N, C-alpha and C. Protein backbone atom coordinates (compact mmCIF):
# COMPACT_ATOMS: atom_id res chain seq x y z
N MET A 1 6.66 -0.37 -12.25
CA MET A 1 7.14 -0.89 -11.12
C MET A 1 8.57 -0.29 -10.96
N SER A 2 8.84 0.17 -9.75
CA SER A 2 10.34 0.65 -9.59
C SER A 2 11.29 -0.34 -9.54
N PRO A 3 12.56 -0.07 -9.87
CA PRO A 3 13.73 -1.04 -9.77
C PRO A 3 13.99 -1.62 -8.53
N THR A 4 13.81 -0.73 -7.34
CA THR A 4 13.82 -1.12 -6.17
C THR A 4 12.92 -2.26 -5.65
N ARG A 5 11.63 -1.92 -6.22
CA ARG A 5 10.65 -3.06 -5.73
C ARG A 5 11.02 -4.41 -6.46
N VAL A 6 11.54 -4.50 -7.69
CA VAL A 6 11.81 -5.64 -8.43
C VAL A 6 12.88 -6.21 -7.54
N ILE A 7 14.02 -5.61 -7.15
CA ILE A 7 15.02 -6.09 -6.36
C ILE A 7 14.50 -6.78 -5.10
N ALA A 8 13.57 -6.03 -4.44
CA ALA A 8 13.06 -6.58 -3.15
C ALA A 8 12.15 -7.85 -3.34
N ILE A 9 11.55 -8.05 -4.52
CA ILE A 9 10.81 -9.18 -4.80
C ILE A 9 11.80 -10.36 -5.06
N LEU A 10 12.83 -9.94 -5.88
CA LEU A 10 13.73 -11.13 -6.09
C LEU A 10 14.62 -11.65 -4.97
N LEU A 11 14.80 -10.61 -3.89
CA LEU A 11 15.56 -10.96 -2.79
C LEU A 11 14.50 -11.89 -1.85
N LEU A 12 13.19 -11.53 -1.86
CA LEU A 12 12.34 -12.32 -1.16
C LEU A 12 11.99 -13.75 -1.65
N ILE A 13 12.08 -13.74 -3.02
CA ILE A 13 12.13 -15.30 -3.54
C ILE A 13 13.23 -16.02 -3.18
N ALA A 14 14.57 -15.33 -3.33
CA ALA A 14 15.73 -15.89 -2.88
C ALA A 14 15.62 -16.45 -1.51
N ALA A 15 15.21 -15.65 -0.60
CA ALA A 15 15.20 -15.99 0.80
C ALA A 15 14.30 -17.33 0.92
N ILE A 16 13.21 -17.23 0.33
CA ILE A 16 12.31 -18.35 0.55
C ILE A 16 12.93 -19.62 0.03
N VAL A 17 13.57 -19.58 -1.02
CA VAL A 17 14.21 -20.88 -1.54
C VAL A 17 15.45 -21.25 -0.72
N VAL A 18 16.15 -20.26 -0.35
CA VAL A 18 17.43 -20.74 0.60
C VAL A 18 16.74 -21.23 1.89
N LEU A 19 15.75 -20.61 2.47
CA LEU A 19 15.28 -21.11 3.74
C LEU A 19 14.61 -22.62 3.49
N ALA A 20 14.08 -22.78 2.50
CA ALA A 20 13.51 -24.28 2.14
C ALA A 20 14.65 -25.34 1.81
N ILE A 21 15.75 -24.85 1.36
CA ILE A 21 16.88 -25.68 1.05
C ILE A 21 17.46 -25.93 2.57
N GLY A 22 17.47 -24.95 3.44
CA GLY A 22 18.11 -25.16 4.78
C GLY A 22 17.35 -26.09 5.61
N ILE A 23 15.96 -26.08 5.50
CA ILE A 23 15.01 -26.97 6.09
C ILE A 23 15.28 -28.33 5.59
N ILE A 24 15.47 -28.50 4.27
CA ILE A 24 15.72 -29.89 3.69
C ILE A 24 16.85 -30.49 4.32
N TYR A 25 18.07 -29.65 4.33
CA TYR A 25 19.24 -30.03 4.93
C TYR A 25 19.06 -30.59 6.40
N PHE A 26 18.19 -29.71 7.11
CA PHE A 26 18.00 -30.17 8.64
C PHE A 26 17.03 -31.59 8.73
N THR A 27 16.23 -31.56 7.91
CA THR A 27 15.20 -32.80 8.10
C THR A 27 15.71 -34.05 7.24
N VAL A 28 16.41 -33.97 6.04
CA VAL A 28 16.70 -35.10 5.22
C VAL A 28 18.08 -35.58 5.64
N GLN A 29 18.23 -37.19 5.84
CA GLN A 29 19.52 -37.64 6.05
C GLN A 29 20.35 -37.53 4.86
N ALA A 30 21.70 -37.30 5.15
CA ALA A 30 22.81 -37.26 3.90
C ALA A 30 22.66 -38.25 2.92
N GLY A 31 22.32 -39.45 3.31
CA GLY A 31 22.20 -40.54 2.24
C GLY A 31 21.01 -40.34 1.40
N SER A 32 20.00 -39.58 1.83
CA SER A 32 18.76 -39.58 1.06
C SER A 32 18.53 -38.21 0.16
N LEU A 33 19.59 -37.39 0.29
CA LEU A 33 19.46 -36.18 -0.39
C LEU A 33 19.74 -36.46 -1.95
N PRO A 34 19.22 -35.42 -2.63
CA PRO A 34 19.39 -35.59 -4.13
C PRO A 34 21.08 -35.22 -4.46
N SER A 35 21.38 -35.84 -5.63
CA SER A 35 22.86 -35.86 -5.76
C SER A 35 23.38 -34.31 -5.93
N PHE A 36 22.51 -33.48 -6.33
CA PHE A 36 23.03 -31.96 -6.64
C PHE A 36 23.11 -31.21 -5.15
N MET A 37 22.54 -31.77 -4.25
CA MET A 37 22.73 -31.22 -2.72
C MET A 37 23.84 -31.77 -1.99
N GLY A 38 24.69 -32.51 -2.62
CA GLY A 38 25.76 -33.39 -1.80
C GLY A 38 25.46 -34.58 -1.00
N ARG A 39 24.95 -35.53 -1.80
CA ARG A 39 24.53 -36.78 -1.09
C ARG A 39 25.63 -37.42 -0.82
N VAL A 40 25.77 -38.09 0.45
CA VAL A 40 26.76 -39.01 0.99
C VAL A 40 26.11 -40.42 1.04
N ALA A 41 26.65 -41.30 0.20
CA ALA A 41 26.18 -42.73 0.13
C ALA A 41 26.26 -43.45 1.61
N ASN A 42 25.03 -44.08 1.86
CA ASN A 42 25.01 -44.87 3.14
C ASN A 42 25.40 -44.14 4.41
N SER A 43 24.84 -42.83 4.45
CA SER A 43 25.02 -41.80 5.58
C SER A 43 23.75 -41.80 6.29
N SER A 44 23.67 -41.77 7.72
CA SER A 44 22.37 -41.48 8.35
C SER A 44 22.61 -40.15 8.99
N ALA A 45 23.75 -39.37 8.77
CA ALA A 45 23.90 -38.24 9.41
C ALA A 45 23.06 -36.94 8.74
N HIS A 46 23.08 -35.92 9.24
CA HIS A 46 22.49 -34.67 8.68
C HIS A 46 23.53 -33.72 8.36
N ARG A 47 23.30 -32.93 7.30
CA ARG A 47 24.24 -31.80 6.85
C ARG A 47 23.82 -30.58 7.80
N SER A 48 24.26 -30.65 9.04
CA SER A 48 23.96 -29.47 9.92
C SER A 48 24.68 -28.08 9.53
N ARG A 49 25.92 -28.32 9.16
CA ARG A 49 26.61 -26.89 8.77
C ARG A 49 26.01 -26.32 7.54
N ARG A 50 25.86 -27.27 6.71
CA ARG A 50 25.03 -26.58 5.37
C ARG A 50 23.82 -25.87 5.79
N ALA A 51 23.05 -26.73 6.58
CA ALA A 51 21.68 -26.15 7.04
C ALA A 51 21.73 -24.95 7.66
N THR A 52 22.80 -24.73 8.61
CA THR A 52 22.80 -23.60 9.53
C THR A 52 23.15 -22.51 8.47
N ALA A 53 24.04 -22.76 7.56
CA ALA A 53 24.49 -21.60 6.63
C ALA A 53 23.42 -21.24 5.66
N ALA A 54 22.63 -22.22 5.34
CA ALA A 54 21.47 -21.83 4.33
C ALA A 54 20.42 -21.16 5.07
N VAL A 55 20.04 -21.56 6.28
CA VAL A 55 19.11 -20.57 7.17
C VAL A 55 19.60 -19.37 7.36
N THR A 56 20.92 -19.34 7.71
CA THR A 56 21.41 -17.88 8.04
C THR A 56 21.40 -16.98 6.72
N LEU A 57 21.69 -17.50 5.58
CA LEU A 57 21.74 -16.81 4.23
C LEU A 57 20.21 -16.41 4.04
N GLY A 58 19.35 -17.29 4.24
CA GLY A 58 17.96 -17.04 4.04
C GLY A 58 17.45 -15.89 4.95
N VAL A 59 17.91 -15.86 6.21
CA VAL A 59 17.53 -14.90 6.96
C VAL A 59 17.97 -13.34 6.55
N VAL A 60 19.33 -13.35 6.29
CA VAL A 60 20.05 -12.26 5.72
C VAL A 60 19.19 -11.71 4.57
N LEU A 61 19.00 -12.63 3.55
CA LEU A 61 18.23 -12.30 2.26
C LEU A 61 16.94 -11.73 2.66
N GLY A 62 16.22 -12.32 3.66
CA GLY A 62 14.96 -11.80 4.04
C GLY A 62 15.06 -10.23 4.64
N ILE A 63 15.88 -10.08 5.49
CA ILE A 63 16.32 -8.64 5.96
C ILE A 63 16.50 -7.80 4.89
N ALA A 64 17.20 -8.12 3.97
CA ALA A 64 17.55 -7.24 2.90
C ALA A 64 16.43 -7.05 1.99
N SER A 65 15.49 -8.07 1.90
CA SER A 65 14.22 -7.79 1.06
C SER A 65 13.35 -6.74 1.80
N LEU A 66 13.37 -6.84 3.15
CA LEU A 66 12.60 -5.87 3.97
C LEU A 66 13.01 -4.41 3.89
N VAL A 67 14.29 -4.47 3.79
CA VAL A 67 15.09 -3.00 3.69
C VAL A 67 14.78 -2.37 2.29
N ALA A 68 14.80 -3.41 1.29
CA ALA A 68 14.37 -2.92 -0.15
C ALA A 68 12.84 -2.48 -0.12
N PHE A 69 12.15 -3.23 0.36
CA PHE A 69 10.66 -2.86 0.29
C PHE A 69 10.32 -1.60 1.03
N SER A 70 11.20 -1.33 2.09
CA SER A 70 10.81 0.03 2.79
C SER A 70 11.33 1.05 2.21
N ARG A 71 12.59 0.91 1.30
CA ARG A 71 13.09 1.99 0.51
C ARG A 71 12.21 2.35 -0.49
N SER A 72 11.76 1.18 -1.18
CA SER A 72 10.71 1.54 -2.28
C SER A 72 9.50 2.08 -2.04
N ARG A 73 8.98 1.83 -0.65
CA ARG A 73 7.79 2.70 -0.37
C ARG A 73 8.16 4.21 0.11
N SER A 74 9.30 4.39 0.44
CA SER A 74 9.66 5.79 0.83
C SER A 74 9.95 6.61 -0.42
N GLN A 75 10.50 6.07 -1.50
CA GLN A 75 10.66 6.39 -2.71
C GLN A 75 9.22 6.86 -3.61
N ALA A 76 8.36 6.02 -3.21
CA ALA A 76 6.99 6.36 -3.83
C ALA A 76 6.17 7.52 -3.21
N ARG A 77 6.66 7.89 -2.05
CA ARG A 77 5.88 8.96 -1.31
C ARG A 77 6.50 10.17 -1.88
């Protein structure tokens, strides 16, 4: 397996994880989040800035993964 394909797979995994974190930030109230995600005691608000940042980063990582996959395919030819 080429190094470019390994990087593409790692970027894809990172994109999926970051998108999942962004969805968690959008759906779970700040008072119910785990402590490592920035729990705010007795809060019913959502962490919309963090959610937006996580989803944006996930999309960027997904695009980078697609670019890396396309480069690895062109190198194989």
